[in-house]
Amino acid sequence: MNCPKCGRDVNIKKNNLFNCRCGAVLIAVEIYKKLVVADVKNHKGEK
Protein backbone atom coordinates (compact mmCIF):
# COMPACT_ATOMS: atom_id res chain seq x y z
CA MET A 1 0.00 0.00 0.00
CA ASN A 2 1.10 3.59 -0.56
CA CYS A 3 0.88 6.50 1.85
CA PRO A 4 -1.76 8.95 0.53
CA LYS A 5 0.29 11.95 1.73
CA CYS A 6 3.81 11.20 0.46
CA GLY A 7 3.33 8.17 -1.82
CA ARG A 8 5.86 6.04 0.07
CA ASP A 9 5.30 2.27 0.01
CA VAL A 10 4.26 1.20 3.53
CA ASN A 11 3.72 -2.25 4.98
CA ILE A 12 0.48 -1.90 6.93
CA LYS A 13 -1.93 -4.56 8.13
CA LYS A 14 -5.71 -4.34 8.44
CA ASN A 15 -7.09 -2.39 11.46
CA ASN A 16 -3.64 -1.24 12.65
CA LEU A 17 -2.39 2.32 13.04
CA PHE A 18 0.87 3.18 11.27
CA ASN A 19 3.03 6.29 11.72
CA CYS A 20 4.59 7.23 8.39
CA ARG A 21 7.88 9.12 8.15
CA CYS A 22 6.10 12.11 6.61
CA GLY A 23 4.03 12.58 9.79
CA ALA A 24 0.80 10.99 8.59
CA VAL A 25 -1.02 8.59 10.90
CA LEU A 26 -2.49 5.87 8.70
CA ILE A 27 -5.08 3.17 9.29
CA ALA A 28 -5.99 0.36 6.90
CA VAL A 29 -9.63 -0.71 6.88
CA GLU A 30 -11.52 -3.17 4.72
CA ILE A 31 -14.46 -1.65 2.85
CA TYR A 32 -16.45 -3.83 0.44
CA LYS A 33 -13.70 -6.50 0.49
CA LYS A 34 -11.02 -3.94 -0.52
CA LEU A 35 -8.26 -2.68 1.77
CA VAL A 36 -8.32 1.13 1.96
CA VAL A 37 -5.62 3.28 3.61
CA ALA A 38 -6.79 6.53 5.22
CA ASP A 39 -4.95 9.34 7.01
CA VAL A 40 -6.39 9.62 10.54
CA LYS A 41 -4.53 12.84 11.35
CA ASN A 42 -6.47 14.88 8.76
CA HIS A 43 -9.89 13.93 10.14
CA LYS A 44 -12.25 16.91 9.83
CA GLY A 45 -13.80 16.31 13.26
CA GLU A 46 -10.53 16.95 15.15
CA LYS A 47 -9.91 20.28 16.82
PDB file of N, CA and C in Angstrom:
ATOM      1  N   MET A   1       0.852  -1.175   0.000  1.00  0.00           N
ATOM      2  CA  MET A   1       0.000   0.000   0.000  1.00  0.00           C
ATOM      3  C   MET A   1       0.901   1.241   0.000  1.00  0.00           C
ATOM      4  N   ASN A   2       0.361   2.336  -0.507  1.00  0.00           N
ATOM      5  CA  ASN A   2       1.102   3.591  -0.557  1.00  0.00           C
ATOM      6  C   ASN A   2       0.486   4.610   0.395  1.00  0.00           C
ATOM      7  N   CYS A   3       1.341   5.412   0.979  1.00  0.00           N
ATOM      8  CA  CYS A   3       0.879   6.498   1.846  1.00  0.00           C
ATOM      9  C   CYS A   3       0.173   7.542   0.978  1.00  0.00           C
ATOM     10  N   PRO A   4      -1.058   7.960   1.347  1.00  0.00           N
ATOM     11  CA  PRO A   4      -1.763   8.952   0.527  1.00  0.00           C
ATOM     12  C   PRO A   4      -1.138  10.348   0.583  1.00  0.00           C
ATOM     13  N   LYS A   5      -0.312  10.621   1.589  1.00  0.00           N
ATOM     14  CA  LYS A   5       0.289  11.951   1.733  1.00  0.00           C
ATOM     15  C   LYS A   5       1.595  12.076   0.950  1.00  0.00           C
ATOM     16  N   CYS A   6       2.498  11.086   1.094  1.00  0.00           N
ATOM     17  CA  CYS A   6       3.814  11.200   0.461  1.00  0.00           C
ATOM     18  C   CYS A   6       4.050  10.185  -0.657  1.00  0.00           C
ATOM     19  N   GLY A   7       3.189   9.162  -0.770  1.00  0.00           N
ATOM     20  CA  GLY A   7       3.334   8.171  -1.824  1.00  0.00           C
ATOM     21  C   GLY A   7       4.325   7.065  -1.517  1.00  0.00           C
ATOM     22  N   ARG A   8       4.885   7.057  -0.318  1.00  0.00           N
ATOM     23  CA  ARG A   8       5.857   6.040   0.073  1.00  0.00           C
ATOM     24  C   ARG A   8       5.167   4.690   0.245  1.00  0.00           C
ATOM     25  N   ASP A   9       5.836   3.616  -0.158  1.00  0.00           N
ATOM     26  CA  ASP A   9       5.303   2.269   0.009  1.00  0.00           C
ATOM     27  C   ASP A   9       5.416   1.876   1.480  1.00  0.00           C
ATOM     28  N   VAL A  10       4.277   1.563   2.118  1.00  0.00           N
ATOM     29  CA  VAL A  10       4.257   1.202   3.531  1.00  0.00           C
ATOM     30  C   VAL A  10       3.688  -0.198   3.691  1.00  0.00           C
ATOM     31  N   ASN A  11       4.197  -0.909   4.671  1.00  0.00           N
ATOM     32  CA  ASN A  11       3.722  -2.251   4.978  1.00  0.00           C
ATOM     33  C   ASN A  11       2.776  -2.137   6.167  1.00  0.00           C
ATOM     34  N   ILE A  12       1.480  -2.106   5.898  1.00  0.00           N
ATOM     35  CA  ILE A  12       0.481  -1.898   6.935  1.00  0.00           C
ATOM     36  C   ILE A  12      -0.528  -3.039   6.878  1.00  0.00           C
ATOM     37  N   LYS A  13      -0.946  -3.486   8.046  1.00  0.00           N
ATOM     38  CA  LYS A  13      -1.925  -4.564   8.127  1.00  0.00           C
ATOM     39  C   LYS A  13      -3.293  -3.991   8.473  1.00  0.00           C
ATOM     40  N   LYS A  14      -4.324  -4.776   8.238  1.00  0.00           N
ATOM     41  CA  LYS A  14      -5.706  -4.337   8.444  1.00  0.00           C
ATOM     42  C   LYS A  14      -5.961  -3.989   9.908  1.00  0.00           C
ATOM     43  N   ASN A  15      -6.659  -2.881  10.142  1.00  0.00           N
ATOM     44  CA  ASN A  15      -7.090  -2.394  11.458  1.00  0.00           C
ATOM     45  C   ASN A  15      -5.938  -2.035  12.391  1.00  0.00           C
ATOM     46  N   ASN A  16      -4.778  -1.684  11.852  1.00  0.00           N
ATOM     47  CA  ASN A  16      -3.644  -1.242  12.654  1.00  0.00           C
ATOM     48  C   ASN A  16      -3.284   0.193  12.290  1.00  0.00           C
ATOM     49  N   LEU A  17      -2.885   0.969  13.293  1.00  0.00           N
ATOM     50  CA  LEU A  17      -2.386   2.320  13.044  1.00  0.00           C
ATOM     51  C   LEU A  17      -0.921   2.248  12.642  1.00  0.00           C
ATOM     52  N   PHE A  18      -0.500   3.147  11.747  1.00  0.00           N
ATOM     53  CA  PHE A  18       0.872   3.179  11.265  1.00  0.00           C
ATOM     54  C   PHE A  18       1.315   4.630  11.191  1.00  0.00           C
ATOM     55  N   ASN A  19       2.457   4.946  11.789  1.00  0.00           N
ATOM     56  CA  ASN A  19       3.030   6.294  11.723  1.00  0.00           C
ATOM     57  C   ASN A  19       4.029   6.340  10.577  1.00  0.00           C
ATOM     58  N   CYS A  20       3.706   7.098   9.545  1.00  0.00           N
ATOM     59  CA  CYS A  20       4.586   7.230   8.388  1.00  0.00           C
ATOM     60  C   CYS A  20       5.689   8.242   8.697  1.00  0.00           C
ATOM     61  N   ARG A  21       6.767   8.192   7.943  1.00  0.00           N
ATOM     62  CA  ARG A  21       7.885   9.121   8.146  1.00  0.00           C
ATOM     63  C   ARG A  21       7.509  10.565   7.838  1.00  0.00           C
ATOM     64  N   CYS A  22       6.499  10.752   6.985  1.00  0.00           N
ATOM     65  CA  CYS A  22       6.098  12.115   6.609  1.00  0.00           C
ATOM     66  C   CYS A  22       5.220  12.763   7.669  1.00  0.00           C
ATOM     67  N   GLY A  23       4.846  12.024   8.720  1.00  0.00           N
ATOM     68  CA  GLY A  23       4.033  12.578   9.790  1.00  0.00           C
ATOM     69  C   GLY A  23       2.578  12.161   9.739  1.00  0.00           C
ATOM     70  N   ALA A  24       2.188  11.445   8.704  1.00  0.00           N
ATOM     71  CA  ALA A  24       0.803  10.986   8.588  1.00  0.00           C
ATOM     72  C   ALA A  24       0.572   9.795   9.512  1.00  0.00           C
ATOM     73  N   VAL A  25      -0.617   9.735  10.087  1.00  0.00           N
ATOM     74  CA  VAL A  25      -1.022   8.592  10.903  1.00  0.00           C
ATOM     75  C   VAL A  25      -2.045   7.828  10.072  1.00  0.00           C
ATOM     76  N   LEU A  26      -1.669   6.625   9.640  1.00  0.00           N
ATOM     77  CA  LEU A  26      -2.486   5.866   8.702  1.00  0.00           C
ATOM     78  C   LEU A  26      -3.200   4.721   9.389  1.00  0.00           C
ATOM     79  N   ILE A  27      -4.360   4.359   8.867  1.00  0.00           N
ATOM     80  CA  ILE A  27      -5.078   3.166   9.294  1.00  0.00           C
ATOM     81  C   ILE A  27      -5.571   2.470   8.026  1.00  0.00           C
ATOM     82  N   ALA A  28      -5.495   1.151   8.021  1.00  0.00           N
ATOM     83  CA  ALA A  28      -5.985   0.360   6.896  1.00  0.00           C
ATOM     84  C   ALA A  28      -7.269  -0.333   7.323  1.00  0.00           C
ATOM     85  N   VAL A  29      -8.334  -0.097   6.592  1.00  0.00           N
ATOM     86  CA  VAL A  29      -9.626  -0.712   6.882  1.00  0.00           C
ATOM     87  C   VAL A  29     -10.130  -1.410   5.624  1.00  0.00           C
ATOM     88  N   GLU A  30     -10.951  -2.430   5.837  1.00  0.00           N
ATOM     89  CA  GLU A  30     -11.515  -3.170   4.717  1.00  0.00           C
ATOM     90  C   GLU A  30     -12.931  -2.670   4.454  1.00  0.00           C
ATOM     91  N   ILE A  31     -13.148  -2.148   3.249  1.00  0.00           N
ATOM     92  CA  ILE A  31     -14.456  -1.651   2.847  1.00  0.00           C
ATOM     93  C   ILE A  31     -14.841  -2.363   1.558  1.00  0.00           C
ATOM     94  N   TYR A  32     -15.971  -3.057   1.596  1.00  0.00           N
ATOM     95  CA  TYR A  32     -16.450  -3.826   0.439  1.00  0.00           C
ATOM     96  C   TYR A  32     -15.373  -4.761  -0.095  1.00  0.00           C
ATOM     97  N   LYS A  33     -14.719  -5.488   0.806  1.00  0.00           N
ATOM     98  CA  LYS A  33     -13.697  -6.499   0.492  1.00  0.00           C
ATOM     99  C   LYS A  33     -12.440  -5.908  -0.142  1.00  0.00           C
ATOM    100  N   LYS A  34     -12.239  -4.581  -0.042  1.00  0.00           N
ATOM    101  CA  LYS A  34     -11.016  -3.943  -0.524  1.00  0.00           C
ATOM    102  C   LYS A  34     -10.344  -3.249   0.647  1.00  0.00           C
ATOM    103  N   LEU A  35      -9.021  -3.328   0.703  1.00  0.00           N
ATOM    104  CA  LEU A  35      -8.260  -2.680   1.766  1.00  0.00           C
ATOM    105  C   LEU A  35      -8.010  -1.224   1.375  1.00  0.00           C
ATOM    106  N   VAL A  36      -8.437  -0.304   2.228  1.00  0.00           N
ATOM    107  CA  VAL A  36      -8.317   1.130   1.961  1.00  0.00           C
ATOM    108  C   VAL A  36      -7.458   1.753   3.051  1.00  0.00           C
ATOM    109  N   VAL A  37      -6.487   2.587   2.652  1.00  0.00           N
ATOM    110  CA  VAL A  37      -5.620   3.282   3.607  1.00  0.00           C
ATOM    111  C   VAL A  37      -6.103   4.717   3.732  1.00  0.00           C
ATOM    112  N   ALA A  38      -6.314   5.167   4.972  1.00  0.00           N
ATOM    113  CA  ALA A  38      -6.790   6.529   5.219  1.00  0.00           C
ATOM    114  C   ALA A  38      -5.869   7.211   6.223  1.00  0.00           C
ATOM    115  N   ASP A  39      -5.752   8.533   6.090  1.00  0.00           N
ATOM    116  CA  ASP A  39      -4.946   9.340   7.007  1.00  0.00           C
ATOM    117  C   ASP A  39      -5.840   9.785   8.157  1.00  0.00           C
ATOM    118  N   VAL A  40      -5.568   9.319   9.367  1.00  0.00           N
ATOM    119  CA  VAL A  40      -6.386   9.620  10.536  1.00  0.00           C
ATOM    120  C   VAL A  40      -6.119  11.035  11.035  1.00  0.00           C
ATOM    121  N   LYS A  41      -4.919  11.539  10.824  1.00  0.00           N
ATOM    122  CA  LYS A  41      -4.531  12.844  11.350  1.00  0.00           C
ATOM    123  C   LYS A  41      -5.314  13.985  10.701  1.00  0.00           C
ATOM    124  N   ASN A  42      -5.750  13.826   9.469  1.00  0.00           N
ATOM    125  CA  ASN A  42      -6.470  14.883   8.759  1.00  0.00           C
ATOM    126  C   ASN A  42      -7.979  14.739   8.883  1.00  0.00           C
ATOM    127  N   HIS A  43      -8.454  14.104   9.944  1.00  0.00           N
ATOM    128  CA  HIS A  43      -9.887  13.929  10.144  1.00  0.00           C
ATOM    129  C   HIS A  43     -10.528  15.289  10.401  1.00  0.00           C
ATOM    130  N   LYS A  44     -11.628  15.588   9.731  1.00  0.00           N
ATOM    131  CA  LYS A  44     -12.250  16.912   9.825  1.00  0.00           C
ATOM    132  C   LYS A  44     -12.876  17.170  11.187  1.00  0.00           C
ATOM    133  N   GLY A  45     -13.179  16.134  11.958  1.00  0.00           N
ATOM    134  CA  GLY A  45     -13.802  16.314  13.257  1.00  0.00           C
ATOM    135  C   GLY A  45     -12.832  16.700  14.362  1.00  0.00           C
ATOM    136  N   GLU A  46     -11.520  16.604  14.120  1.00  0.00           N
ATOM    137  CA  GLU A  46     -10.531  16.945  15.148  1.00  0.00           C
ATOM    138  C   GLU A  46     -10.444  18.449  15.334  1.00  0.00           C
ATOM    139  N   LYS A  47     -10.111  18.850  16.545  1.00  0.00           N
ATOM    140  CA  LYS A  47      -9.912  20.277  16.819  1.00  0.00           C
ATOM    141  C   LYS A  47      -8.536  20.501  17.381  1.00  0.00           C
TER     142      LYS A  47
END
